[in-house]
Amino acid sequence: MMYDQSRAQQPPDTQPGSAGRRTPGPEPLLPSDERAKLAQRLQHALNTFADSPREALEEAETAFDEVTAQLMSTLAERRRVLHATWQDQEPDTQPDELRHALRQYREITQRLLRM
């Protein structure tokens, strides 16, 4: 198998020829443009380490801080929305509706545990 440089440089959630199509699965925790921008900043820090180690570490730390802040914000918003879907329901809410909320909690929690 030969190395495909153009494919290797694509973000992990992008498949060639999938313009406009979305693969089934969970929604990314960060938008792809933000992930790409932060990954590029981290790569820049790695590439400049030999010439300016301290500045490279500061840049890597800043990228890390931005990723964690965005993740925390995204997770807090998802929790707020998910909580609202079941907390404000009537006591006689159908179990299927509650089961859907439970599945969403399970999915996001399992994703976090796999990190």
C-alpha atoms as a PDB file:
ATOM      1  CA  MET A   1       0.000   0.000   0.000  1.00  0.00           C
ATOM      2  CA  MET A   2       1.398   3.407  -0.957  1.00  0.00           C
ATOM      3  CA  TYR A   3       1.348   6.501   1.242  1.00  0.00           C
ATOM      4  CA  ASP A   4      -1.233   9.040   0.072  1.00  0.00           C
ATOM      5  CA  GLN A   5       0.008  12.452   1.237  1.00  0.00           C
ATOM      6  CA  SER A   6      -3.101  14.396   0.189  1.00  0.00           C
ATOM      7  CA  ARG A   7      -5.361  11.996   2.087  1.00  0.00           C
ATOM      8  CA  ALA A   8      -3.079  12.067   5.135  1.00  0.00           C
ATOM      9  CA  GLN A   9      -3.401  15.860   5.309  1.00  0.00           C
ATOM     10  CA  GLN A  10      -7.200  15.806   5.410  1.00  0.00           C
ATOM     11  CA  PRO A  11      -8.920  16.223   8.771  1.00  0.00           C
ATOM     12  CA  PRO A  12      -9.843  12.822  10.261  1.00  0.00           C
ATOM     13  CA  ASP A  13     -13.604  13.283   9.737  1.00  0.00           C
ATOM     14  CA  THR A  14     -13.307  14.074   6.021  1.00  0.00           C
ATOM     15  CA  GLN A  15     -13.527  11.402   3.372  1.00  0.00           C
ATOM     16  CA  PRO A  16     -12.541  12.069  -0.241  1.00  0.00           C
ATOM     17  CA  GLY A  17     -15.544  12.646  -2.456  1.00  0.00           C
ATOM     18  CA  SER A  18     -17.939  13.135   0.429  1.00  0.00           C
ATOM     19  CA  ALA A  19     -18.716  16.783  -0.273  1.00  0.00           C
ATOM     20  CA  GLY A  20     -21.943  17.657   1.445  1.00  0.00           C
ATOM     21  CA  ARG A  21     -22.534  14.113   2.699  1.00  0.00           C
ATOM     22  CA  ARG A  22     -22.327  13.297   6.339  1.00  0.00           C
ATOM     23  CA  THR A  23     -21.304   9.946   7.677  1.00  0.00           C
ATOM     24  CA  PRO A  24     -23.520   8.469  10.368  1.00  0.00           C
ATOM     25  CA  GLY A  25     -22.232   8.790  13.876  1.00  0.00           C
ATOM     26  CA  PRO A  26     -21.997  11.248  16.698  1.00  0.00           C
ATOM     27  CA  GLU A  27     -21.642  14.928  16.038  1.00  0.00           C
ATOM     28  CA  PRO A  28     -18.072  16.188  16.578  1.00  0.00           C
ATOM     29  CA  LEU A  29     -17.432  17.961  19.859  1.00  0.00           C
ATOM     30  CA  LEU A  30     -15.684  20.794  18.010  1.00  0.00           C
ATOM     31  CA  PRO A  31     -16.454  22.115  14.530  1.00  0.00           C
ATOM     32  CA  SER A  32     -14.033  20.817  11.903  1.00  0.00           C
ATOM     33  CA  ASP A  33     -12.744  24.298  11.033  1.00  0.00           C
ATOM     34  CA  GLU A  34     -11.864  24.942  14.681  1.00  0.00           C
ATOM     35  CA  ARG A  35     -10.218  21.531  15.019  1.00  0.00           C
ATOM     36  CA  ALA A  36      -8.155  22.184  11.903  1.00  0.00           C
ATOM     37  CA  LYS A  37      -7.117  25.645  13.067  1.00  0.00           C
ATOM     38  CA  LEU A  38      -6.036  24.394  16.497  1.00  0.00           C
ATOM     39  CA  ALA A  39      -4.251  21.379  15.023  1.00  0.00           C
ATOM     40  CA  GLN A  40      -2.367  23.724  12.697  1.00  0.00           C
ATOM     41  CA  ARG A  41      -1.280  25.877  15.646  1.00  0.00           C
ATOM     42  CA  LEU A  42      -0.064  22.809  17.509  1.00  0.00           C
ATOM     43  CA  GLN A  43       1.827  21.627  14.430  1.00  0.00           C
ATOM     44  CA  HIS A  44       3.406  25.061  14.118  1.00  0.00           C
ATOM     45  CA  ALA A  45       4.593  24.807  17.728  1.00  0.00           C
ATOM     46  CA  LEU A  46       6.097  21.405  17.018  1.00  0.00           C
ATOM     47  CA  ASN A  47       7.816  22.659  13.880  1.00  0.00           C
ATOM     48  CA  THR A  48       9.354  25.707  15.589  1.00  0.00           C
ATOM     49  CA  PHE A  49      10.531  23.957  18.749  1.00  0.00           C
ATOM     50  CA  ALA A  50      14.127  23.507  17.560  1.00  0.00           C
ATOM     51  CA  ASP A  51      14.541  27.234  16.845  1.00  0.00           C
ATOM     52  CA  SER A  52      12.589  28.646  19.790  1.00  0.00           C
ATOM     53  CA  PRO A  53      11.607  26.015  22.358  1.00  0.00           C
ATOM     54  CA  ARG A  54      10.053  28.361  24.924  1.00  0.00           C
ATOM     55  CA  GLU A  55       7.854  30.123  22.367  1.00  0.00           C
ATOM     56  CA  ALA A  56       6.853  26.763  20.886  1.00  0.00           C
ATOM     57  CA  LEU A  57       5.814  25.518  24.327  1.00  0.00           C
ATOM     58  CA  GLU A  58       3.830  28.687  24.970  1.00  0.00           C
ATOM     59  CA  GLU A  59       2.041  28.269  21.638  1.00  0.00           C
ATOM     60  CA  ALA A  60       1.308  24.604  22.365  1.00  0.00           C
ATOM     61  CA  GLU A  61      -0.019  25.529  25.798  1.00  0.00           C
ATOM     62  CA  THR A  62      -2.266  28.215  24.327  1.00  0.00           C
ATOM     63  CA  ALA A  63      -3.652  25.756  21.770  1.00  0.00           C
ATOM     64  CA  PHE A  64      -4.280  23.240  24.565  1.00  0.00           C
ATOM     65  CA  ASP A  65      -6.042  25.886  26.667  1.00  0.00           C
ATOM     66  CA  GLU A  66      -8.268  26.862  23.745  1.00  0.00           C
ATOM     67  CA  VAL A  67      -9.193  23.248  23.015  1.00  0.00           C
ATOM     68  CA  THR A  68     -10.103  22.568  26.638  1.00  0.00           C
ATOM     69  CA  ALA A  69     -12.091  25.804  26.933  1.00  0.00           C
ATOM     70  CA  GLN A  70     -14.041  25.069  23.753  1.00  0.00           C
ATOM     71  CA  LEU A  71     -14.683  21.488  24.839  1.00  0.00           C
ATOM     72  CA  MET A  72     -15.937  22.630  28.238  1.00  0.00           C
ATOM     73  CA  SER A  73     -18.224  25.177  26.602  1.00  0.00           C
ATOM     74  CA  THR A  74     -19.561  22.633  24.110  1.00  0.00           C
ATOM     75  CA  LEU A  75     -20.127  20.000  26.791  1.00  0.00           C
ATOM     76  CA  ALA A  76     -21.880  22.496  29.086  1.00  0.00           C
ATOM     77  CA  GLU A  77     -24.214  23.533  26.265  1.00  0.00           C
ATOM     78  CA  ARG A  78     -24.979  19.931  25.312  1.00  0.00           C
ATOM     79  CA  ARG A  79     -25.702  19.127  28.940  1.00  0.00           C
ATOM     80  CA  ARG A  80     -28.014  22.140  29.249  1.00  0.00           C
ATOM     81  CA  VAL A  81     -29.955  21.180  26.115  1.00  0.00           C
ATOM     82  CA  LEU A  82     -30.135  17.510  27.031  1.00  0.00           C
ATOM     83  CA  HIS A  83     -31.209  18.265  30.588  1.00  0.00           C
ATOM     84  CA  ALA A  84     -33.995  20.502  29.293  1.00  0.00           C
ATOM     85  CA  THR A  85     -35.317  17.718  27.050  1.00  0.00           C
ATOM     86  CA  TRP A  86     -36.231  15.472  29.959  1.00  0.00           C
ATOM     87  CA  GLN A  87     -36.308  17.614  33.113  1.00  0.00           C
ATOM     88  CA  ASP A  88     -39.272  19.707  32.006  1.00  0.00           C
ATOM     89  CA  GLN A  89     -41.320  16.684  30.894  1.00  0.00           C
ATOM     90  CA  GLU A  90     -44.535  15.655  32.573  1.00  0.00           C
ATOM     91  CA  PRO A  91     -44.288  12.774  35.067  1.00  0.00           C
ATOM     92  CA  ASP A  92     -46.160  10.518  32.627  1.00  0.00           C
ATOM     93  CA  THR A  93     -43.638  11.060  29.806  1.00  0.00           C
ATOM     94  CA  GLN A  94     -43.271   8.031  27.598  1.00  0.00           C
ATOM     95  CA  PRO A  95     -40.323   5.788  28.503  1.00  0.00           C
ATOM     96  CA  ASP A  96     -39.095   5.934  24.875  1.00  0.00           C
ATOM     97  CA  GLU A  97     -38.542   9.683  25.152  1.00  0.00           C
ATOM     98  CA  LEU A  98     -36.629   9.241  28.405  1.00  0.00           C
ATOM     99  CA  ARG A  99     -34.672   6.328  26.916  1.00  0.00           C
ATOM    100  CA  HIS A 100     -33.550   8.591  24.077  1.00  0.00           C
ATOM    101  CA  ALA A 101     -32.165  11.101  26.595  1.00  0.00           C
ATOM    102  CA  LEU A 102     -30.411   8.291  28.453  1.00  0.00           C
ATOM    103  CA  ARG A 103     -28.813   7.087  25.201  1.00  0.00           C
ATOM    104  CA  GLN A 104     -27.513  10.572  24.539  1.00  0.00           C
ATOM    105  CA  TYR A 105     -25.975  10.776  28.020  1.00  0.00           C
ATOM    106  CA  ARG A 106     -24.439   7.345  27.528  1.00  0.00           C
ATOM    107  CA  GLU A 107     -22.994   8.208  24.115  1.00  0.00           C
ATOM    108  CA  ILE A 108     -21.319  11.444  25.190  1.00  0.00           C
ATOM    109  CA  THR A 109     -20.051   9.950  28.447  1.00  0.00           C
ATOM    110  CA  GLN A 110     -18.560   6.948  26.658  1.00  0.00           C
ATOM    111  CA  ARG A 111     -16.866   9.235  24.151  1.00  0.00           C
ATOM    112  CA  LEU A 112     -15.300  11.173  27.001  1.00  0.00           C
ATOM    113  CA  LEU A 113     -14.153   7.987  28.731  1.00  0.00           C
ATOM    114  CA  ARG A 114     -12.421   6.843  25.534  1.00  0.00           C
ATOM    115  CA  MET A 115     -10.319  10.021  25.393  1.00  0.00           C
END
